[in-house]
Amino acid sequence: MAAERENRRNDRKKGGSFKEAPKEFREELLEVARVTRVTAGGRQLRFRAAIVLGNGKGKVGFGTGKASEVVVAIEKATRNAKRNMIDFPIVNGTVPFDTSAKYKASSVYIHPANPGTGLIAGGAVRKVLMVSGLKDVLAKQHGAPNNITNVRVIMKALQNLQANPKARALAEADRAARPVEEAAAAKSETKTEETKRMTRTKVVKQKKEEIVEEAPVEEVIETVETEETAEVPETSEASTEETEKKD
């Protein structure tokens, strides 16, 4: 009961026992810029937000939104990004093969990498690859310094992978092989735990044997007998003093 009360108190301090639901998509704010619109009444100042969304499993979207407030512009951009989502295949944490694309003055080249390489890219291209779920990729972007243009070109390159049937076949084969790999990894983990337990038990047994060898049973019995003999005369003297006082 006391433990339950403490848990309730801790939940109240934290703001309740309700936990936030995990988000469906991961958001990356690309930029927030102030733009103007010239009308007959003068210039109208607004904010433009650009956002990249991704579920980490090969689904990515990009959207922009404009409003007089930054929060409203971000909300519009997220809605626009969810309407413009694309799917592309991922094989072993990277792209199936080389791909490139060109959009206006910007061009991009994406190359698959070995496991452990990481994301070697910069700027807006890196943010798109991070939310998409790719782990090992080499990417290089040339041309325009505009972030929106660079995101458009990387989205176009990923669409090329989406339309390729060979990439789809490789992705399906990778998905089919994942359960087998996960089962093998789980078995290896169980084996390592068993070996650790066996080593621990062996070490404990060895320590016990060393302790027994260092202190044999005869010495232990002798020490116990000496302690008993040392305690006996003290009790006898105390009893004799009490009898003399009574007399």
Foldseek 3Di string as FASTA:
>chain_A
DVVVVVVQVVQVVVPHPDDDDDDQKDKDWQDKDWDWDQDPVGIDIKIKTKMKIARLQFKIFIFMAIDRDPVVRVVRGVVRRVVGMDGFFDAPQWAPAKWKFDDDFKIKIKGFDDPPQFEADDGLLSVRSVRRNRGGIHMDMDTDPDNVRVVVRSVVRRVVRVPDVVRVVNRVVRVVCVVVVVVVVVVVVVVVVVVVVVVVVVVVVVVVVVVCVVDPPVNVVVVVVVVVVVPVVVVVVVVVVVVVVVD
